[in-house]
Amino acid sequence: MNEEPEKDAAKQPKQKTTEKGIESMFRLTASNQMRLSSIGDKKANILISINSILISVSAAVATRQAMDYQQFLPALLVLFLSSLVSLIFAILSCRPELKPINVTDEELKQRKVNLLSFGNFNRIPYPKYHQAMREMMDDYDYLYGNLIKDQYALGKALYRKFRLLRIAYNIFMYGFIFAAVVFVLNYLMIQ
């Protein structure tokens, strides 16, 4: 009978260590995801700036000197169009995706709502939200379940951002290469 209290006492420090480990895991994962999101935004901003300049320059050259350099218009058109499409995808990668959800009282009671996501709680009246948050803070399973849902949602948003950013960079790269090839071919045809 003396062995059971000793076993319970031995489990307590391990439980606290496990909880600290779990909290560290969530904190580290959230930090990494936010850092990656910031990196993605910076890359998108670079691409937006470069493509905006290329669009402006190619449009200006094409309109001002169209008669003098008609042989280079196809290359300018390729550069203009690929920069435009790349710009659109870069903007889409940074554009916030808002999907507000109407949360019912039943969903709150059944704990089916991720209370940590602003897209979920922005339509819940504050008193109900406050009560649901207090309940979540008193129940580790409910709390960790919401943290898991939130991490998952952040990961999905991050994947979407980098997928669109990759498309934007690929269009930029291949469009630039294709424009250069068209330019060289047109130049060789003139010679």
Foldseek 3Di string as FASTA:
>chain_A
DVVVVVVVVVVVVVVVVVVVVLVVVLVVLVVVLVVLLVVLLVLLVVLLVVLVVLLVVLVVCCVPCCPVCVLLNVLSVLSNVLSVVLNVLSVVLNDDDADADDDDPVCLVVLVFLLVDCSDCVNPPPVSSVVSVVVCVVDVVSVVVSSVVVSVVSVVSSVSSVVSNVVSVVSNVVSNVVSVVSNVVSVVVVD
